[in-house]
PDB file of N, CA and C in Angstrom:
ATOM      1  N   MET A   1       0.825  -1.189   0.000  1.00  0.00           N
ATOM      2  CA  MET A   1       0.000   0.000   0.000  1.00  0.00           C
ATOM      3  C   MET A   1       0.869   1.251   0.000  1.00  0.00           C
ATOM      4  N   ILE A   2       1.931   1.224   0.807  1.00  0.00           N
ATOM      5  CA  ILE A   2       2.827   2.381   0.883  1.00  0.00           C
ATOM      6  C   ILE A   2       3.535   2.583  -0.452  1.00  0.00           C
ATOM      7  N   ILE A   3       3.921   1.486  -1.090  1.00  0.00           N
ATOM      8  CA  ILE A   3       4.604   1.584  -2.384  1.00  0.00           C
ATOM      9  C   ILE A   3       3.667   2.191  -3.422  1.00  0.00           C
ATOM     10  N   PHE A   4       2.430   1.767  -3.427  1.00  0.00           N
ATOM     11  CA  PHE A   4       1.459   2.286  -4.385  1.00  0.00           C
ATOM     12  C   PHE A   4       1.248   3.786  -4.198  1.00  0.00           C
ATOM     13  N   VAL A   5       1.121   4.224  -2.965  1.00  0.00           N
ATOM     14  CA  VAL A   5       0.924   5.651  -2.679  1.00  0.00           C
ATOM     15  C   VAL A   5       2.156   6.450  -3.083  1.00  0.00           C
ATOM     16  N   SER A   6       3.352   5.902  -2.804  1.00  0.00           N
ATOM     17  CA  SER A   6       4.574   6.625  -3.179  1.00  0.00           C
ATOM     18  C   SER A   6       4.709   6.709  -4.700  1.00  0.00           C
ATOM     19  N   LEU A   7       4.300   5.671  -5.428  1.00  0.00           N
ATOM     20  CA  LEU A   7       4.338   5.731  -6.888  1.00  0.00           C
ATOM     21  C   LEU A   7       3.390   6.799  -7.420  1.00  0.00           C
ATOM     22  N   ILE A   8       2.225   6.903  -6.839  1.00  0.00           N
ATOM     23  CA  ILE A   8       1.275   7.937  -7.268  1.00  0.00           C
ATOM     24  C   ILE A   8       1.854   9.322  -7.011  1.00  0.00           C
ATOM     25  N   LEU A   9       2.502   9.496  -5.873  1.00  0.00           N
ATOM     26  CA  LEU A   9       3.090  10.799  -5.561  1.00  0.00           C
ATOM     27  C   LEU A   9       4.254  11.130  -6.492  1.00  0.00           C
ATOM     28  N   LEU A  10       5.088  10.140  -6.805  1.00  0.00           N
ATOM     29  CA  LEU A  10       6.253  10.387  -7.657  1.00  0.00           C
ATOM     30  C   LEU A  10       5.873  10.550  -9.130  1.00  0.00           C
ATOM     31  N   MET A  11       5.032   9.688  -9.637  1.00  0.00           N
ATOM     32  CA  MET A  11       4.715   9.682 -11.062  1.00  0.00           C
ATOM     33  C   MET A  11       3.507  10.551 -11.405  1.00  0.00           C
ATOM     34  N   GLY A  12       2.629  10.686 -10.508  1.00  0.00           N
ATOM     35  CA  GLY A  12       1.392  11.388 -10.820  1.00  0.00           C
ATOM     36  C   GLY A  12       0.383  10.412 -11.383  1.00  0.00           C
ATOM     37  N   THR A  13      -0.850  10.781 -11.341  1.00  0.00           N
ATOM     38  CA  THR A  13      -1.905   9.872 -11.793  1.00  0.00           C
ATOM     39  C   THR A  13      -1.945   9.722 -13.307  1.00  0.00           C
ATOM     40  N   LYS A  14      -1.382  10.676 -14.038  1.00  0.00           N
ATOM     41  CA  LYS A  14      -1.418  10.589 -15.503  1.00  0.00           C
ATOM     42  C   LYS A  14      -0.327   9.656 -16.039  1.00  0.00           C
ATOM     43  N   ARG A  15       0.851   9.641 -15.407  1.00  0.00           N
ATOM     44  CA  ARG A  15       1.958   8.827 -15.920  1.00  0.00           C
ATOM     45  C   ARG A  15       1.973   7.422 -15.344  1.00  0.00           C
ATOM     46  N   LEU A  16       1.254   7.172 -14.280  1.00  0.00           N
ATOM     47  CA  LEU A  16       1.282   5.859 -13.627  1.00  0.00           C
ATOM     48  C   LEU A  16       0.828   4.723 -14.553  1.00  0.00           C
ATOM     49  N   PRO A  17      -0.252   4.850 -15.324  1.00  0.00           N
ATOM     50  CA  PRO A  17      -0.630   3.750 -16.235  1.00  0.00           C
ATOM     51  C   PRO A  17       0.431   3.492 -17.308  1.00  0.00           C
ATOM     52  N   GLU A  18       1.046   4.554 -17.812  1.00  0.00           N
ATOM     53  CA  GLU A  18       2.086   4.399 -18.833  1.00  0.00           C
ATOM     54  C   GLU A  18       3.298   3.668 -18.258  1.00  0.00           C
ATOM     55  N   VAL A  19       3.718   4.055 -17.077  1.00  0.00           N
ATOM     56  CA  VAL A  19       4.863   3.407 -16.434  1.00  0.00           C
ATOM     57  C   VAL A  19       4.532   1.953 -16.107  1.00  0.00           C
ATOM     58  N   SER A  20       3.321   1.700 -15.672  1.00  0.00           N
ATOM     59  CA  SER A  20       2.902   0.327 -15.357  1.00  0.00           C
ATOM     60  C   SER A  20       2.935  -0.556 -16.599  1.00  0.00           C
ATOM     61  N   ARG A  21       2.493  -0.020 -17.738  1.00  0.00           N
ATOM     62  CA  ARG A  21       2.541  -0.786 -18.988  1.00  0.00           C
ATOM     63  C   ARG A  21       3.980  -1.090 -19.380  1.00  0.00           C
ATOM     64  N   LYS A  22       4.869  -0.109 -19.241  1.00  0.00           N
ATOM     65  CA  LYS A  22       6.276  -0.332 -19.593  1.00  0.00           C
ATOM     66  C   LYS A  22       6.901  -1.391 -18.694  1.00  0.00           C
ATOM     67  N   ILE A  23       6.593  -1.322 -17.411  1.00  0.00           N
ATOM     68  CA  ILE A  23       7.126  -2.328 -16.487  1.00  0.00           C
ATOM     69  C   ILE A  23       6.569  -3.706 -16.838  1.00  0.00           C
ATOM     70  N   GLY A  24       5.306  -3.781 -17.188  1.00  0.00           N
ATOM     71  CA  GLY A  24       4.699  -5.048 -17.596  1.00  0.00           C
ATOM     72  C   GLY A  24       5.351  -5.620 -18.842  1.00  0.00           C
ATOM     73  N   LYS A  25       5.643  -4.758 -19.828  1.00  0.00           N
ATOM     74  CA  LYS A  25       6.313  -5.214 -21.049  1.00  0.00           C
ATOM     75  C   LYS A  25       7.715  -5.711 -20.743  1.00  0.00           C
ATOM     76  N   ILE A  26       8.425  -5.004 -19.873  1.00  0.00           N
ATOM     77  CA  ILE A  26       9.785  -5.410 -19.511  1.00  0.00           C
ATOM     78  C   ILE A  26       9.763  -6.770 -18.817  1.00  0.00           C
ATOM     79  N   ILE A  27       8.831  -6.951 -17.899  1.00  0.00           N
ATOM     80  CA  ILE A  27       8.729  -8.230 -17.194  1.00  0.00           C
ATOM     81  C   ILE A  27       8.340  -9.346 -18.167  1.00  0.00           C
ATOM     82  N   GLY A  28       7.443  -9.057 -19.100  1.00  0.00           N
ATOM     83  CA  GLY A  28       7.055 -10.049 -20.101  1.00  0.00           C
ATOM     84  C   GLY A  28       8.220 -10.459 -20.989  1.00  0.00           C
ATOM     85  N   GLU A  29       9.013  -9.493 -21.445  1.00  0.00           N
ATOM     86  CA  GLU A  29      10.188  -9.796 -22.270  1.00  0.00           C
ATOM     87  C   GLU A  29      11.211 -10.608 -21.481  1.00  0.00           C
ATOM     88  N   TYR A  30      11.388 -10.253 -20.219  1.00  0.00           N
ATOM     89  CA  TYR A  30      12.325 -10.992 -19.368  1.00  0.00           C
ATOM     90  C   TYR A  30      11.886 -12.450 -19.246  1.00  0.00           C
ATOM     91  N   ASN A  31      10.608 -12.673 -18.962  1.00  0.00           N
ATOM     92  CA  ASN A  31      10.108 -14.043 -18.817  1.00  0.00           C
ATOM     93  C   ASN A  31      10.209 -14.826 -20.120  1.00  0.00           C
ATOM     94  N   LYS A  32       9.927 -14.164 -21.247  1.00  0.00           N
ATOM     95  CA  LYS A  32      10.022 -14.832 -22.543  1.00  0.00           C
ATOM     96  C   LYS A  32      11.470 -15.242 -22.828  1.00  0.00           C
ATOM     97  N   THR A  33      12.407 -14.342 -22.578  1.00  0.00           N
ATOM     98  CA  THR A  33      13.823 -14.637 -22.799  1.00  0.00           C
ATOM     99  C   THR A  33      14.298 -15.736 -21.861  1.00  0.00           C
ATOM    100  N   LYS A  34      13.851 -15.700 -20.615  1.00  0.00           N
ATOM    101  CA  LYS A  34      14.232 -16.730 -19.647  1.00  0.00           C
ATOM    102  C   LYS A  34      13.756 -18.100 -20.114  1.00  0.00           C
ATOM    103  N   ASN A  35      12.535 -18.178 -20.638  1.00  0.00           N
ATOM    104  CA  ASN A  35      12.006 -19.451 -21.127  1.00  0.00           C
ATOM    105  C   ASN A  35      12.782 -19.956 -22.337  1.00  0.00           C
ATOM    106  N   VAL A  36      13.161 -19.048 -23.229  1.00  0.00           N
ATOM    107  CA  VAL A  36      13.938 -19.449 -24.407  1.00  0.00           C
ATOM    108  C   VAL A  36      15.282 -20.023 -23.978  1.00  0.00           C
ATOM    109  N   VAL A  37      15.949 -19.357 -23.046  1.00  0.00           N
ATOM    110  CA  VAL A  37      17.252 -19.829 -22.573  1.00  0.00           C
ATOM    111  C   VAL A  37      17.105 -21.179 -21.872  1.00  0.00           C
ATOM    112  N   GLN A  38      16.083 -21.344 -21.048  1.00  0.00           N
ATOM    113  CA  GLN A  38      15.872 -22.622 -20.372  1.00  0.00           C
ATOM    114  C   GLN A  38      15.601 -23.738 -21.370  1.00  0.00           C
ATOM    115  N   ASN A  39      14.845 -23.456 -22.429  1.00  0.00           N
ATOM    116  CA  ASN A  39      14.587 -24.470 -23.456  1.00  0.00           C
ATOM    117  C   ASN A  39      15.859 -24.843 -24.196  1.00  0.00           C
ATOM    118  N   GLU A  40      16.698 -23.862 -24.502  1.00  0.00           N
ATOM    119  CA  GLU A  40      17.964 -24.151 -25.182  1.00  0.00           C
ATOM    120  C   GLU A  40      18.867 -25.015 -24.307  1.00  0.00           C
ATOM    121  N   ILE A  41      18.936 -24.700 -23.024  1.00  0.00           N
ATOM    122  CA  ILE A  41      19.756 -25.495 -22.107  1.00  0.00           C
ATOM    123  C   ILE A  41      19.226 -26.920 -22.040  1.00  0.00           C
ATOM    124  N   GLN A  42      17.923 -27.079 -21.984  1.00  0.00           N
ATOM    125  CA  GLN A  42      17.326 -28.417 -21.933  1.00  0.00           C
ATOM    126  C   GLN A  42      17.611 -29.190 -23.219  1.00  0.00           C
ATOM    127  N   ASN A  43      17.559 -28.518 -24.377  1.00  0.00           N
ATOM    128  CA  ASN A  43      17.861 -29.184 -25.647  1.00  0.00           C
ATOM    129  C   ASN A  43      19.299 -29.660 -25.685  1.00  0.00           C
ATOM    130  N   VAL A  44      20.208 -28.851 -25.178  1.00  0.00           N
ATOM    131  CA  VAL A  44      21.617 -29.247 -25.152  1.00  0.00           C
ATOM    132  C   VAL A  44      21.806 -30.426 -24.205  1.00  0.00           C
ATOM    133  N   ARG A  45      21.160 -30.392 -23.058  1.00  0.00           N
ATOM    134  CA  ARG A  45      21.261 -31.508 -22.110  1.00  0.00           C
ATOM    135  C   ARG A  45      20.730 -32.795 -22.713  1.00  0.00           C
ATOM    136  N   ASP A  46      19.629 -32.711 -23.442  1.00  0.00           N
ATOM    137  CA  ASP A  46      19.048 -33.907 -24.048  1.00  0.00           C
ATOM    138  C   ASP A  46      19.983 -34.509 -25.086  1.00  0.00           C
ATOM    139  N   GLY A  47      20.765 -33.684 -25.762  1.00  0.00           N
ATOM    140  CA  GLY A  47      21.704 -34.171 -26.765  1.00  0.00           C
ATOM    141  C   GLY A  47      22.866 -34.934 -26.170  1.00  0.00           C
ATOM    142  N   PHE A  48      23.164 -34.708 -24.911  1.00  0.00           N
ATOM    143  CA  PHE A  48      24.297 -35.358 -24.267  1.00  0.00           C
ATOM    144  C   PHE A  48      23.856 -36.379 -23.227  1.00  0.00           C
ATOM    145  N   SER A  49      22.734 -37.004 -23.463  1.00  0.00           N
ATOM    146  CA  SER A  49      22.243 -37.960 -22.471  1.00  0.00           C
ATOM    147  C   SER A  49      23.093 -39.224 -22.509  1.00  0.00           C
ATOM    148  N   ILE A  50      23.705 -39.532 -21.386  1.00  0.00           N
ATOM    149  CA  ILE A  50      24.510 -40.735 -21.240  1.00  0.00           C
ATOM    150  C   ILE A  50      23.870 -41.557 -20.134  1.00  0.00           C
ATOM    151  N   SER A  51      23.503 -42.762 -20.463  1.00  0.00           N
ATOM    152  CA  SER A  51      22.899 -43.613 -19.443  1.00  0.00           C
ATOM    153  C   SER A  51      23.966 -44.543 -18.885  1.00  0.00           C
ATOM    154  N   VAL A  52      24.201 -44.433 -17.606  1.00  0.00           N
ATOM    155  CA  VAL A  52      25.171 -45.280 -16.931  1.00  0.00           C
ATOM    156  C   VAL A  52      24.394 -46.324 -16.151  1.00  0.00           C
ATOM    157  N   VAL A  53      24.601 -47.579 -16.520  1.00  0.00           N
ATOM    158  CA  VAL A  53      23.872 -48.666 -15.890  1.00  0.00           C
ATOM    159  C   VAL A  53      24.531 -49.050 -14.568  1.00  0.00           C
ATOM    160  N   GLY A  54      25.823 -49.071 -14.550  1.00  0.00           N
ATOM    161  CA  GLY A  54      26.563 -49.453 -13.352  1.00  0.00           C
ATOM    162  C   GLY A  54      28.037 -49.223 -13.598  1.00  0.00           C
ATOM    163  N   PRO A  55      28.858 -49.605 -12.655  1.00  0.00           N
ATOM    164  CA  PRO A  55      30.289 -49.402 -12.848  1.00  0.00           C
ATOM    165  C   PRO A  55      30.824 -50.309 -13.955  1.00  0.00           C
ATOM    166  N   ALA A  56      31.788 -49.805 -14.690  1.00  0.00           N
ATOM    167  CA  ALA A  56      32.383 -50.583 -15.771  1.00  0.00           C
ATOM    168  C   ALA A  56      33.246 -51.685 -15.171  1.00  0.00           C
ATOM    169  N   ILE A  57      33.141 -52.855 -15.764  1.00  0.00           N
ATOM    170  CA  ILE A  57      33.873 -54.000 -15.238  1.00  0.00           C
ATOM    171  C   ILE A  57      35.317 -53.974 -15.712  1.00  0.00           C
ATOM    172  N   SER A  58      35.536 -53.558 -16.940  1.00  0.00           N
ATOM    173  CA  SER A  58      36.893 -53.600 -17.479  1.00  0.00           C
ATOM    174  C   SER A  58      37.267 -52.254 -18.090  1.00  0.00           C
ATOM    175  N   GLU A  59      38.542 -52.113 -18.358  1.00  0.00           N
ATOM    176  CA  GLU A  59      39.048 -50.905 -19.009  1.00  0.00           C
ATOM    177  C   GLU A  59      38.435 -50.766 -20.399  1.00  0.00           C
ATOM    178  N   ARG A  60      38.235 -51.877 -21.081  1.00  0.00           N
ATOM    179  CA  ARG A  60      37.645 -51.855 -22.421  1.00  0.00           C
ATOM    180  C   ARG A  60      36.226 -51.285 -22.380  1.00  0.00           C
ATOM    181  N   GLN A  61      35.448 -51.669 -21.369  1.00  0.00           N
ATOM    182  CA  GLN A  61      34.091 -51.137 -21.254  1.00  0.00           C
ATOM    183  C   GLN A  61      34.113 -49.631 -21.024  1.00  0.00           C
ATOM    184  N   LYS A  62      35.065 -49.164 -20.224  1.00  0.00           N
ATOM    185  CA  LYS A  62      35.187 -47.724 -20.001  1.00  0.00           C
ATOM    186  C   LYS A  62      35.477 -47.008 -21.316  1.00  0.00           C
ATOM    187  N   LEU A  63      36.418 -47.565 -22.076  1.00  0.00           N
ATOM    188  CA  LEU A  63      36.779 -46.949 -23.353  1.00  0.00           C
ATOM    189  C   LEU A  63      35.599 -46.967 -24.325  1.00  0.00           C
ATOM    190  N   GLU A  64      34.875 -48.080 -24.380  1.00  0.00           N
ATOM    191  CA  GLU A  64      33.728 -48.166 -25.283  1.00  0.00           C
ATOM    192  C   GLU A  64      32.622 -47.192 -24.881  1.00  0.00           C
ATOM    193  N   THR A  65      32.403 -47.036 -23.582  1.00  0.00           N
ATOM    194  CA  THR A  65      31.385 -46.089 -23.110  1.00  0.00           C
ATOM    195  C   THR A  65      31.766 -44.666 -23.485  1.00  0.00           C
ATOM    196  N   MET A  66      33.032 -44.317 -23.286  1.00  0.00           N
ATOM    197  CA  MET A  66      33.489 -42.971 -23.653  1.00  0.00           C
ATOM    198  C   MET A  66      33.403 -42.761 -25.158  1.00  0.00           C
ATOM    199  N   ALA A  67      33.818 -43.778 -25.932  1.00  0.00           N
ATOM    200  CA  ALA A  67      33.771 -43.662 -27.387  1.00  0.00           C
ATOM    201  C   ALA A  67      32.334 -43.499 -27.870  1.00  0.00           C
ATOM    202  N   LYS A  68      31.414 -44.253 -27.289  1.00  0.00           N
ATOM    203  CA  LYS A  68      30.005 -44.161 -27.682  1.00  0.00           C
ATOM    204  C   LYS A  68      29.455 -42.767 -27.381  1.00  0.00           C
ATOM    205  N   SER A  69      29.806 -42.218 -26.216  1.00  0.00           N
ATOM    206  CA  SER A  69      29.289 -40.892 -25.856  1.00  0.00           C
ATOM    207  C   SER A  69      29.863 -39.799 -26.746  1.00  0.00           C
ATOM    208  N   LEU A  70      31.052 -40.028 -27.311  1.00  0.00           N
ATOM    209  CA  LEU A  70      31.662 -39.044 -28.210  1.00  0.00           C
ATOM    210  C   LEU A  70      31.327 -39.310 -29.676  1.00  0.00           C
ATOM    211  N   GLY A  71      30.600 -40.387 -29.949  1.00  0.00           N
ATOM    212  CA  GLY A  71      30.219 -40.697 -31.320  1.00  0.00           C
ATOM    213  C   GLY A  71      31.331 -41.355 -32.116  1.00  0.00           C
ATOM    214  N   ILE A  72      32.226 -42.059 -31.450  1.00  0.00           N
ATOM    215  CA  ILE A  72      33.352 -42.732 -32.101  1.00  0.00           C
ATOM    216  C   ILE A  72      32.988 -44.201 -32.292  1.00  0.00           C
ATOM    217  N   ASP A  73      33.249 -44.718 -33.508  1.00  0.00           N
ATOM    218  CA  ASP A  73      33.009 -46.134 -33.783  1.00  0.00           C
ATOM    219  C   ASP A  73      34.150 -46.938 -33.167  1.00  0.00           C
ATOM    220  N   PHE A  74      33.832 -47.826 -32.242  1.00  0.00           N
ATOM    221  CA  PHE A  74      34.865 -48.558 -31.521  1.00  0.00           C
ATOM    222  C   PHE A  74      35.042 -49.991 -32.004  1.00  0.00           C
ATOM    223  N   THR A  75      34.316 -50.379 -33.044  1.00  0.00           N
ATOM    224  CA  THR A  75      34.455 -51.743 -33.540  1.00  0.00           C
ATOM    225  C   THR A  75      35.790 -51.895 -34.254  1.00  0.00           C
ATOM    226  N   ASN A  76      36.407 -53.045 -34.063  1.00  0.00           N
ATOM    227  CA  ASN A  76      37.684 -53.408 -34.687  1.00  0.00           C
ATOM    228  C   ASN A  76      38.807 -52.430 -34.346  1.00  0.00           C
ATOM    229  N   LYS A  77      38.776 -51.857 -33.152  1.00  0.00           N
ATOM    230  CA  LYS A  77      39.833 -50.949 -32.722  1.00  0.00           C
ATOM    231  C   LYS A  77      40.430 -51.484 -31.428  1.00  0.00           C
ATOM    232  N   THR A  78      41.741 -51.341 -31.305  1.00  0.00           N
ATOM    233  CA  THR A  78      42.401 -51.778 -30.079  1.00  0.00           C
ATOM    234  C   THR A  78      42.176 -50.746 -28.982  1.00  0.00           C
ATOM    235  N   ASP A  79      42.538 -51.123 -27.765  1.00  0.00           N
ATOM    236  CA  ASP A  79      42.394 -50.197 -26.640  1.00  0.00           C
ATOM    237  C   ASP A  79      43.234 -48.941 -26.860  1.00  0.00           C
ATOM    238  N   ASN A  80      44.443 -49.124 -27.370  1.00  0.00           N
ATOM    239  CA  ASN A  80      45.310 -47.961 -27.618  1.00  0.00           C
ATOM    240  C   ASN A  80      44.735 -47.057 -28.700  1.00  0.00           C
ATOM    241  N   ASP A  81      44.172 -47.663 -29.751  1.00  0.00           N
ATOM    242  CA  ASP A  81      43.537 -46.856 -30.798  1.00  0.00           C
ATOM    243  C   ASP A  81      42.389 -46.032 -30.219  1.00  0.00           C
ATOM    244  N   LEU A  82      41.582 -46.670 -29.374  1.00  0.00           N
ATOM    245  CA  LEU A  82      40.464 -45.955 -28.759  1.00  0.00           C
ATOM    246  C   LEU A  82      40.953 -44.820 -27.867  1.00  0.00           C
ATOM    247  N   ARG A  83      42.006 -45.076 -27.081  1.00  0.00           N
ATOM    248  CA  ARG A  83      42.547 -44.015 -26.221  1.00  0.00           C
ATOM    249  C   ARG A  83      42.985 -42.816 -27.056  1.00  0.00           C
ATOM    250  N   GLU A  84      43.680 -43.092 -28.161  1.00  0.00           N
ATOM    251  CA  GLU A  84      44.156 -42.005 -29.025  1.00  0.00           C
ATOM    252  C   GLU A  84      42.984 -41.241 -29.643  1.00  0.00           C
ATOM    253  N   LEU A  85      41.977 -41.961 -30.127  1.00  0.00           N
ATOM    254  CA  LEU A  85      40.815 -41.302 -30.728  1.00  0.00           C
ATOM    255  C   LEU A  85      40.053 -40.464 -29.700  1.00  0.00           C
ATOM    256  N   ILE A  86      39.877 -41.009 -28.511  1.00  0.00           N
ATOM    257  CA  ILE A  86      39.167 -40.272 -27.457  1.00  0.00           C
ATOM    258  C   ILE A  86      39.953 -39.037 -27.058  1.00  0.00           C
ATOM    259  N   THR A  87      41.264 -39.195 -26.896  1.00  0.00           N
ATOM    260  CA  THR A  87      42.099 -38.051 -26.519  1.00  0.00           C
ATOM    261  C   THR A  87      42.072 -36.980 -27.589  1.00  0.00           C
ATOM    262  N   SER A  88      42.177 -37.383 -28.854  1.00  0.00           N
ATOM    263  CA  SER A  88      42.157 -36.382 -29.925  1.00  0.00           C
ATOM    264  C   SER A  88      40.797 -35.700 -30.017  1.00  0.00           C
ATOM    265  N   GLN A  89      39.726 -36.448 -29.756  1.00  0.00           N
ATOM    266  CA  GLN A  89      38.381 -35.862 -29.786  1.00  0.00           C
ATOM    267  C   GLN A  89      38.206 -34.855 -28.655  1.00  0.00           C
ATOM    268  N   LEU A  90      38.718 -35.179 -27.471  1.00  0.00           N
ATOM    269  CA  LEU A  90      38.570 -34.288 -26.322  1.00  0.00           C
ATOM    270  C   LEU A  90      39.480 -33.073 -26.419  1.00  0.00           C
ATOM    271  N   ASP A  91      40.694 -33.260 -26.932  1.00  0.00           N
ATOM    272  CA  ASP A  91      41.642 -32.147 -27.037  1.00  0.00           C
ATOM    273  C   ASP A  91      41.281 -31.197 -28.154  1.00  0.00           C
ATOM    274  N   GLY A  92      40.740 -31.711 -29.223  1.00  0.00           N
ATOM    275  CA  GLY A  92      40.411 -30.866 -30.356  1.00  0.00           C
ATOM    276  C   GLY A  92      41.629 -30.658 -31.234  1.00  0.00           C
ATOM    277  N   PRO A  93      41.506 -29.805 -32.265  1.00  0.00           N
ATOM    278  CA  PRO A  93      42.596 -29.625 -33.219  1.00  0.00           C
ATOM    279  C   PRO A  93      43.757 -28.796 -32.684  1.00  0.00           C
ATOM    280  N   ASN A  94      43.541 -27.949 -31.698  1.00  0.00           N
ATOM    281  CA  ASN A  94      44.593 -27.066 -31.194  1.00  0.00           C
ATOM    282  C   ASN A  94      45.193 -27.623 -29.920  1.00  0.00           C
ATOM    283  N   THR A  95      46.228 -28.443 -30.063  1.00  0.00           N
ATOM    284  CA  THR A  95      46.909 -28.967 -28.887  1.00  0.00           C
ATOM    285  C   THR A  95      48.328 -28.462 -28.884  1.00  0.00           C
ATOM    286  N   SER A  96      48.751 -27.949 -27.766  1.00  0.00           N
ATOM    287  CA  SER A  96      50.118 -27.462 -27.646  1.00  0.00           C
ATOM    288  C   SER A  96      51.004 -28.506 -27.007  1.00  0.00           C
ATOM    289  N   GLN A  97      50.464 -29.667 -26.647  1.00  0.00           N
ATOM    290  CA  GLN A  97      51.240 -30.703 -25.999  1.00  0.00           C
ATOM    291  C   GLN A  97      52.166 -31.396 -26.988  1.00  0.00           C
ATOM    292  N   ASP A  98      51.842 -31.417 -28.257  1.00  0.00           N
ATOM    293  CA  ASP A  98      52.628 -32.126 -29.251  1.00  0.00           C
ATOM    294  C   ASP A  98      53.692 -31.250 -29.892  1.00  0.00           C
ATOM    295  N   SER A  99      54.034 -30.132 -29.286  1.00  0.00           N
ATOM    296  CA  SER A  99      54.987 -29.226 -29.904  1.00  0.00           C
ATOM    297  C   SER A  99      56.419 -29.688 -29.731  1.00  0.00           C
ATOM    298  N   GLY A 100      56.669 -30.693 -28.871  1.00  0.00           N
ATOM    299  CA  GLY A 100      58.016 -31.178 -28.676  1.00  0.00           C
ATOM    300  C   GLY A 100      58.808 -30.348 -27.690  1.00  0.00           C
ATOM    301  N   GLN A 101      58.251 -29.289 -27.198  1.00  0.00           N
ATOM    302  CA  GLN A 101      58.920 -28.409 -26.256  1.00  0.00           C
ATOM    303  C   GLN A 101      58.505 -28.794 -24.846  1.00  0.00           C
ATOM    304  N   PRO A 102      59.432 -28.744 -23.890  1.00  0.00           N
ATOM    305  CA  PRO A 102      59.034 -29.024 -22.507  1.00  0.00           C
ATOM    306  C   PRO A 102      58.125 -27.926 -21.981  1.00  0.00           C
ATOM    307  N   SER A 103      57.217 -28.313 -21.107  1.00  0.00           N
ATOM    308  CA  SER A 103      56.291 -27.324 -20.563  1.00  0.00           C
ATOM    309  C   SER A 103      56.998 -26.459 -19.543  1.00  0.00           C
ATOM    310  N   LYS A 104      56.616 -25.189 -19.498  1.00  0.00           N
ATOM    311  CA  LYS A 104      57.221 -24.227 -18.580  1.00  0.00           C
ATOM    312  C   LYS A 104      56.340 -24.108 -17.356  1.00  0.00           C
ATOM    313  N   GLN A 105      56.712 -24.814 -16.289  1.00  0.00           N
ATOM    314  CA  GLN A 105      55.916 -24.742 -15.065  1.00  0.00           C
ATOM    315  C   GLN A 105      56.770 -24.371 -13.907  1.00  0.00           C
TER     316      GLN A 105
END
């Protein structure tokens, strides 16, 4: 009640409906944008759905699970081949580790 009275005193009775409409539009745009962002986040999450049934029994199962989640075909590949493919997929094209230079730490 106090806020309403103070708004009437500050804005006047003629500008109060106009200001209220602008605030309503701003809140509506905010809610619309928030919903769009939430939907985009949900779509991205759905694309990366990984179902874990239980702990992996062997190293090979771990590698196959990782390869499957990255979209790598693991048939007829050795464990070392899978490790290299997974590492290259995770590192991407720009790796500074293969420069042959020792790291400066």
